[in-house]
Amino acid sequence: MNCGGQFFEVETYLLNHYDYCGLRDRFVGIILKAMCYYPASVQWGKWIEQPTPEQVTKIIDTMLESHSGDVNILFTSKDVLLQFGWDCLNINIYNPDEEMCMLFEKIAASEGLFWRKSE
């Protein structure tokens, strides 16, 4: 909180320059890699069962380009919800079991990001 850094300035910059910093590709990569392991349904206006990689990528691109929106991805076999919003630098994952936690930790590392379980 009182570290004297420029967190909010850096966050604002990154949120407005996803492509320049490679964040768009990293976020898409995490979602698509997770979809390789578990069946998924995506809520984007309506529910889309088993979306194609192109559909997921287009949804993320639309959100980032318009600076608005959230997408919910339900991994139906695990009852796990992944939520991504354009206005934050994280992906939220609700109700992951230990297996999924280990998988997401590996996927995050493969994209140059990190996994942190909330407290």
N, C-alpha and C. Protein backbone atom coordinates (compact mmCIF):
# COMPACT_ATOMS: atom_id res chain seq x y z
N MET A 1 0.82 -1.20 0.00
CA MET A 1 0.00 0.00 0.00
C MET A 1 0.86 1.26 0.00
N ASN A 2 1.86 1.33 0.85
CA ASN A 2 2.67 2.55 0.97
C ASN A 2 4.07 2.35 0.42
N CYS A 3 4.22 1.55 -0.62
CA CYS A 3 5.56 1.24 -1.12
C CYS A 3 6.14 2.34 -2.01
N GLY A 4 5.36 3.31 -2.41
CA GLY A 4 5.88 4.42 -3.20
C GLY A 4 6.00 4.12 -4.69
N GLY A 5 5.54 2.95 -5.12
CA GLY A 5 5.59 2.60 -6.53
C GLY A 5 4.49 3.27 -7.33
N GLN A 6 4.37 2.88 -8.56
CA GLN A 6 3.39 3.49 -9.47
C GLN A 6 2.39 2.45 -9.97
N PHE A 7 1.86 1.66 -9.05
CA PHE A 7 0.99 0.56 -9.43
C PHE A 7 -0.16 1.01 -10.33
N PHE A 8 -0.89 2.02 -9.94
CA PHE A 8 -2.08 2.41 -10.69
C PHE A 8 -1.73 2.97 -12.08
N GLU A 9 -0.63 3.68 -12.18
CA GLU A 9 -0.20 4.17 -13.49
C GLU A 9 0.19 3.01 -14.40
N VAL A 10 0.91 2.04 -13.85
CA VAL A 10 1.32 0.87 -14.64
C VAL A 10 0.09 0.04 -15.03
N GLU A 11 -0.83 -0.16 -14.08
CA GLU A 11 -2.04 -0.92 -14.38
C GLU A 11 -2.83 -0.25 -15.50
N THR A 12 -3.02 1.04 -15.43
CA THR A 12 -3.76 1.77 -16.46
C THR A 12 -3.08 1.63 -17.81
N TYR A 13 -1.76 1.75 -17.82
CA TYR A 13 -1.02 1.59 -19.08
C TYR A 13 -1.24 0.20 -19.67
N LEU A 14 -1.08 -0.83 -18.85
CA LEU A 14 -1.23 -2.20 -19.34
C LEU A 14 -2.65 -2.48 -19.82
N LEU A 15 -3.65 -1.96 -19.10
CA LEU A 15 -5.04 -2.18 -19.50
C LEU A 15 -5.35 -1.51 -20.84
N ASN A 16 -4.60 -0.48 -21.19
CA ASN A 16 -4.84 0.23 -22.44
C ASN A 16 -3.88 -0.18 -23.56
N HIS A 17 -2.97 -1.10 -23.27
CA HIS A 17 -1.99 -1.54 -24.26
C HIS A 17 -1.80 -3.06 -24.21
N TYR A 18 -2.89 -3.80 -24.18
CA TYR A 18 -2.82 -5.26 -24.11
C TYR A 18 -1.94 -5.84 -25.21
N ASP A 19 -2.14 -5.40 -26.44
CA ASP A 19 -1.41 -5.98 -27.57
C ASP A 19 0.08 -5.68 -27.49
N TYR A 20 0.43 -4.46 -27.11
CA TYR A 20 1.84 -4.10 -27.07
C TYR A 20 2.60 -4.90 -26.02
N CYS A 21 1.94 -5.26 -24.96
CA CYS A 21 2.59 -5.97 -23.86
C CYS A 21 2.40 -7.47 -23.94
N GLY A 22 1.64 -7.95 -24.89
CA GLY A 22 1.42 -9.38 -25.05
C GLY A 22 0.40 -9.97 -24.10
N LEU A 23 -0.30 -9.16 -23.33
CA LEU A 23 -1.26 -9.69 -22.36
C LEU A 23 -2.44 -10.37 -23.04
N ARG A 24 -2.88 -9.84 -24.13
CA ARG A 24 -4.01 -10.44 -24.84
C ARG A 24 -3.70 -11.89 -25.19
N ASP A 25 -2.53 -12.13 -25.76
CA ASP A 25 -2.16 -13.48 -26.15
C ASP A 25 -2.01 -14.39 -24.93
N ARG A 26 -1.54 -13.86 -23.85
CA ARG A 26 -1.37 -14.67 -22.64
C ARG A 26 -2.73 -15.07 -22.05
N PHE A 27 -3.66 -14.12 -21.99
CA PHE A 27 -4.99 -14.43 -21.47
C PHE A 27 -5.71 -15.44 -22.37
N VAL A 28 -5.65 -15.23 -23.67
CA VAL A 28 -6.27 -16.18 -24.60
C VAL A 28 -5.60 -17.54 -24.45
N GLY A 29 -4.29 -17.56 -24.32
CA GLY A 29 -3.56 -18.81 -24.16
C GLY A 29 -3.99 -19.60 -22.95
N ILE A 30 -4.18 -18.93 -21.83
CA ILE A 30 -4.64 -19.61 -20.62
C ILE A 30 -6.00 -20.26 -20.84
N ILE A 31 -6.92 -19.51 -21.40
CA ILE A 31 -8.28 -20.03 -21.60
C ILE A 31 -8.28 -21.20 -22.57
N LEU A 32 -7.59 -21.04 -23.69
CA LEU A 32 -7.59 -22.11 -24.69
C LEU A 32 -6.89 -23.37 -24.17
N LYS A 33 -5.80 -23.21 -23.43
CA LYS A 33 -5.11 -24.37 -22.88
C LYS A 33 -5.99 -25.10 -21.88
N ALA A 34 -6.72 -24.37 -21.06
CA ALA A 34 -7.63 -25.02 -20.10
C ALA A 34 -8.74 -25.78 -20.84
N MET A 35 -9.19 -25.22 -21.97
CA MET A 35 -10.23 -25.88 -22.75
C MET A 35 -9.75 -27.20 -23.36
N CYS A 36 -8.44 -27.39 -23.45
CA CYS A 36 -7.90 -28.67 -23.95
C CYS A 36 -8.16 -29.80 -22.97
N TYR A 37 -8.31 -29.47 -21.69
CA TYR A 37 -8.44 -30.48 -20.64
C TYR A 37 -9.88 -30.75 -20.21
N TYR A 38 -10.73 -29.74 -20.31
CA TYR A 38 -12.09 -29.86 -19.77
C TYR A 38 -13.10 -29.28 -20.74
N PRO A 39 -14.27 -29.91 -20.87
CA PRO A 39 -15.33 -29.31 -21.69
C PRO A 39 -15.76 -27.97 -21.09
N ALA A 40 -16.07 -27.04 -21.98
CA ALA A 40 -16.39 -25.69 -21.52
C ALA A 40 -17.63 -25.15 -22.20
N SER A 41 -18.31 -24.28 -21.47
CA SER A 41 -19.40 -23.47 -22.02
C SER A 41 -19.07 -22.02 -21.72
N VAL A 42 -19.33 -21.14 -22.67
CA VAL A 42 -19.00 -19.73 -22.52
C VAL A 42 -20.27 -18.91 -22.49
N GLN A 43 -20.34 -18.00 -21.52
CA GLN A 43 -21.47 -17.07 -21.45
C GLN A 43 -21.04 -15.74 -22.04
N TRP A 44 -21.58 -15.45 -23.20
CA TRP A 44 -21.32 -14.18 -23.88
C TRP A 44 -22.64 -13.77 -24.52
N GLY A 45 -23.46 -13.11 -23.73
CA GLY A 45 -24.83 -12.81 -24.15
C GLY A 45 -25.72 -14.02 -23.92
N LYS A 46 -25.34 -15.12 -24.49
CA LYS A 46 -26.02 -16.40 -24.28
C LYS A 46 -24.94 -17.44 -24.01
N TRP A 47 -25.35 -18.62 -23.62
CA TRP A 47 -24.39 -19.69 -23.37
C TRP A 47 -24.03 -20.37 -24.69
N ILE A 48 -22.75 -20.56 -24.91
CA ILE A 48 -22.23 -21.26 -26.08
C ILE A 48 -21.54 -22.52 -25.56
N GLU A 49 -22.07 -23.68 -25.93
CA GLU A 49 -21.46 -24.93 -25.49
C GLU A 49 -20.34 -25.32 -26.45
N GLN A 50 -19.25 -25.77 -25.88
CA GLN A 50 -18.08 -26.21 -26.64
C GLN A 50 -17.70 -25.15 -27.70
N PRO A 51 -17.38 -23.93 -27.29
CA PRO A 51 -17.01 -22.89 -28.24
C PRO A 51 -15.71 -23.25 -28.97
N THR A 52 -15.57 -22.76 -30.17
CA THR A 52 -14.33 -22.97 -30.91
C THR A 52 -13.26 -22.01 -30.40
N PRO A 53 -12.01 -22.32 -30.63
CA PRO A 53 -10.95 -21.38 -30.26
C PRO A 53 -11.14 -20.00 -30.91
N GLU A 54 -11.64 -20.00 -32.14
CA GLU A 54 -11.88 -18.73 -32.83
C GLU A 54 -12.96 -17.91 -32.12
N GLN A 55 -14.01 -18.58 -31.63
CA GLN A 55 -15.08 -17.87 -30.92
C GLN A 55 -14.53 -17.24 -29.63
N VAL A 56 -13.76 -18.01 -28.89
CA VAL A 56 -13.20 -17.49 -27.63
C VAL A 56 -12.27 -16.31 -27.91
N THR A 57 -11.42 -16.45 -28.90
CA THR A 57 -10.49 -15.37 -29.25
C THR A 57 -11.24 -14.12 -29.68
N LYS A 58 -12.29 -14.29 -30.47
CA LYS A 58 -13.08 -13.13 -30.92
C LYS A 58 -13.76 -12.44 -29.73
N ILE A 59 -14.25 -13.20 -28.77
CA ILE A 59 -14.88 -12.62 -27.58
C ILE A 59 -13.86 -11.78 -26.81
N ILE A 60 -12.69 -12.34 -26.58
CA ILE A 60 -11.64 -11.61 -25.84
C ILE A 60 -11.24 -10.36 -26.61
N ASP A 61 -11.05 -10.48 -27.92
CA ASP A 61 -10.69 -9.31 -28.74
C ASP A 61 -11.76 -8.23 -28.66
N THR A 62 -13.03 -8.63 -28.74
CA THR A 62 -14.14 -7.67 -28.67
C THR A 62 -14.11 -6.92 -27.34
N MET A 63 -13.91 -7.65 -26.25
CA MET A 63 -13.86 -7.02 -24.93
C MET A 63 -12.72 -6.02 -24.83
N LEU A 64 -11.54 -6.43 -25.27
CA LEU A 64 -10.37 -5.57 -25.13
C LEU A 64 -10.46 -4.35 -26.04
N GLU A 65 -10.97 -4.54 -27.25
CA GLU A 65 -11.09 -3.42 -28.17
C GLU A 65 -12.13 -2.40 -27.73
N SER A 66 -13.22 -2.88 -27.13
CA SER A 66 -14.29 -1.98 -26.71
C SER A 66 -14.12 -1.48 -25.27
N HIS A 67 -13.11 -2.01 -24.59
CA HIS A 67 -12.88 -1.65 -23.18
C HIS A 67 -14.13 -1.86 -22.33
N SER A 68 -14.80 -2.99 -22.57
CA SER A 68 -15.97 -3.31 -21.75
C SER A 68 -16.27 -4.79 -21.83
N GLY A 69 -16.95 -5.26 -20.81
CA GLY A 69 -17.46 -6.62 -20.82
C GLY A 69 -16.72 -7.58 -19.92
N ASP A 70 -17.42 -8.65 -19.64
CA ASP A 70 -16.90 -9.78 -18.88
C ASP A 70 -17.33 -11.03 -19.62
N VAL A 71 -16.53 -12.08 -19.48
CA VAL A 71 -16.92 -13.36 -20.05
C VAL A 71 -16.79 -14.41 -18.95
N ASN A 72 -17.77 -15.29 -18.89
CA ASN A 72 -17.76 -16.40 -17.95
C ASN A 72 -17.57 -17.68 -18.73
N ILE A 73 -16.66 -18.52 -18.25
CA ILE A 73 -16.41 -19.81 -18.87
C ILE A 73 -16.60 -20.87 -17.80
N LEU A 74 -17.56 -21.74 -18.04
CA LEU A 74 -17.87 -22.80 -17.09
C LEU A 74 -17.27 -24.10 -17.60
N PHE A 75 -16.39 -24.69 -16.78
CA PHE A 75 -15.85 -26.01 -17.08
C PHE A 75 -16.82 -27.00 -16.47
N THR A 76 -17.68 -27.50 -17.33
CA THR A 76 -18.88 -28.21 -16.89
C THR A 76 -18.59 -29.52 -16.16
N SER A 77 -17.55 -30.23 -16.51
CA SER A 77 -17.27 -31.50 -15.85
C SER A 77 -16.70 -31.31 -14.44
N LYS A 78 -16.25 -30.09 -14.14
CA LYS A 78 -15.65 -29.81 -12.84
C LYS A 78 -16.46 -28.82 -12.00
N ASP A 79 -17.49 -28.23 -12.57
CA ASP A 79 -18.27 -27.20 -11.88
C ASP A 79 -17.37 -26.05 -11.43
N VAL A 80 -16.52 -25.60 -12.36
CA VAL A 80 -15.55 -24.53 -12.10
C VAL A 80 -15.85 -23.38 -13.05
N LEU A 81 -15.83 -22.18 -12.51
CA LEU A 81 -16.11 -20.98 -13.30
C LEU A 81 -14.84 -20.15 -13.43
N LEU A 82 -14.50 -19.80 -14.67
CA LEU A 82 -13.42 -18.87 -14.95
C LEU A 82 -14.07 -17.57 -15.39
N GLN A 83 -13.64 -16.47 -14.81
CA GLN A 83 -14.20 -15.17 -15.18
C GLN A 83 -13.08 -14.24 -15.60
N PHE A 84 -13.26 -13.62 -16.76
CA PHE A 84 -12.29 -12.66 -17.26
C PHE A 84 -13.01 -11.38 -17.59
N GLY A 85 -12.50 -10.27 -17.08
CA GLY A 85 -13.05 -8.94 -17.38
C GLY A 85 -11.97 -8.08 -17.98
N TRP A 86 -12.35 -7.21 -18.86
CA TRP A 86 -11.38 -6.38 -19.57
C TRP A 86 -10.65 -5.42 -18.65
N ASP A 87 -11.24 -5.10 -17.49
CA ASP A 87 -10.72 -4.00 -16.67
C ASP A 87 -9.83 -4.44 -15.51
N CYS A 88 -9.27 -5.64 -15.58
CA CYS A 88 -8.35 -6.06 -14.52
C CYS A 88 -7.26 -6.95 -15.11
N LEU A 89 -6.20 -7.08 -14.39
CA LEU A 89 -5.05 -7.82 -14.89
C LEU A 89 -5.00 -9.24 -14.35
N ASN A 90 -6.15 -9.78 -14.05
CA ASN A 90 -6.18 -11.15 -13.56
C ASN A 90 -7.40 -11.89 -14.10
N ILE A 91 -7.31 -13.20 -14.01
CA ILE A 91 -8.42 -14.08 -14.33
C ILE A 91 -8.84 -14.72 -13.02
N ASN A 92 -10.13 -14.71 -12.74
CA ASN A 92 -10.63 -15.33 -11.51
C ASN A 92 -11.16 -16.72 -11.83
N ILE A 93 -10.82 -17.67 -10.96
CA ILE A 93 -11.28 -19.04 -11.12
C ILE A 93 -11.94 -19.46 -9.82
N TYR A 94 -13.20 -19.84 -9.91
CA TYR A 94 -13.99 -20.18 -8.73
C TYR A 94 -14.22 -21.69 -8.65
N ASN A 95 -13.99 -22.24 -7.48
CA ASN A 95 -14.27 -23.62 -7.13
C ASN A 95 -13.32 -24.65 -7.76
N PRO A 96 -12.05 -24.31 -8.00
CA PRO A 96 -11.15 -25.32 -8.57
C PRO A 96 -10.76 -26.35 -7.51
N ASP A 97 -10.71 -27.62 -7.91
CA ASP A 97 -10.19 -28.63 -7.00
C ASP A 97 -8.66 -28.61 -7.08
N GLU A 98 -8.04 -29.46 -6.32
CA GLU A 98 -6.57 -29.47 -6.26
C GLU A 98 -5.95 -29.77 -7.63
N GLU A 99 -6.56 -30.69 -8.37
CA GLU A 99 -6.07 -31.02 -9.71
C GLU A 99 -6.07 -29.80 -10.62
N MET A 100 -7.17 -29.05 -10.59
CA MET A 100 -7.25 -27.86 -11.45
C MET A 100 -6.31 -26.77 -10.98
N CYS A 101 -6.13 -26.64 -9.68
CA CYS A 101 -5.17 -25.65 -9.17
C CYS A 101 -3.77 -25.93 -9.71
N MET A 102 -3.38 -27.20 -9.67
CA MET A 102 -2.05 -27.57 -10.18
C MET A 102 -1.95 -27.32 -11.68
N LEU A 103 -3.02 -27.64 -12.41
CA LEU A 103 -3.03 -27.41 -13.85
C LEU A 103 -2.94 -25.92 -14.17
N PHE A 104 -3.77 -25.11 -13.52
CA PHE A 104 -3.74 -23.66 -13.79
C PHE A 104 -2.41 -23.03 -13.39
N GLU A 105 -1.79 -23.55 -12.36
CA GLU A 105 -0.47 -23.04 -11.99
C GLU A 105 0.54 -23.30 -13.11
N LYS A 106 0.48 -24.48 -13.72
CA LYS A 106 1.38 -24.82 -14.83
C LYS A 106 1.04 -24.01 -16.08
N ILE A 107 -0.25 -23.86 -16.35
CA ILE A 107 -0.66 -23.09 -17.53
C ILE A 107 -0.24 -21.63 -17.36
N ALA A 108 -0.46 -21.05 -16.19
CA ALA A 108 -0.06 -19.67 -15.95
C ALA A 108 1.45 -19.50 -16.16
N ALA A 109 2.24 -20.42 -15.61
CA ALA A 109 3.70 -20.35 -15.77
C ALA A 109 4.09 -20.46 -17.25
N SER A 110 3.37 -21.29 -18.01
CA SER A 110 3.69 -21.45 -19.44
C SER A 110 3.43 -20.16 -20.21
N GLU A 111 2.58 -19.29 -19.67
CA GLU A 111 2.27 -18.01 -20.31
C GLU A 111 3.06 -16.86 -19.68
N GLY A 112 4.01 -17.18 -18.80
CA GLY A 112 4.81 -16.14 -18.16
C GLY A 112 4.07 -15.38 -17.07
N LEU A 113 3.03 -15.99 -16.52
CA LEU A 113 2.23 -15.38 -15.47
C LEU A 113 2.33 -16.24 -14.22
N PHE A 114 1.60 -15.89 -13.19
CA PHE A 114 1.66 -16.69 -11.97
C PHE A 114 0.27 -17.01 -11.47
N TRP A 115 0.20 -18.02 -10.63
CA TRP A 115 -1.05 -18.49 -10.02
C TRP A 115 -0.99 -18.11 -8.56
N ARG A 116 -2.06 -17.53 -8.08
CA ARG A 116 -2.15 -17.22 -6.65
C ARG A 116 -3.54 -17.57 -6.18
N LYS A 117 -3.59 -18.41 -5.16
CA LYS A 117 -4.88 -18.76 -4.56
C LYS A 117 -5.27 -17.64 -3.60
N SER A 118 -6.50 -17.17 -3.72
CA SER A 118 -6.94 -16.09 -2.83
C SER A 118 -7.15 -16.62 -1.42
N GLU A 119 -7.12 -15.71 -0.51
CA GLU A 119 -7.25 -16.10 0.90
C GLU A 119 -8.59 -15.69 1.46
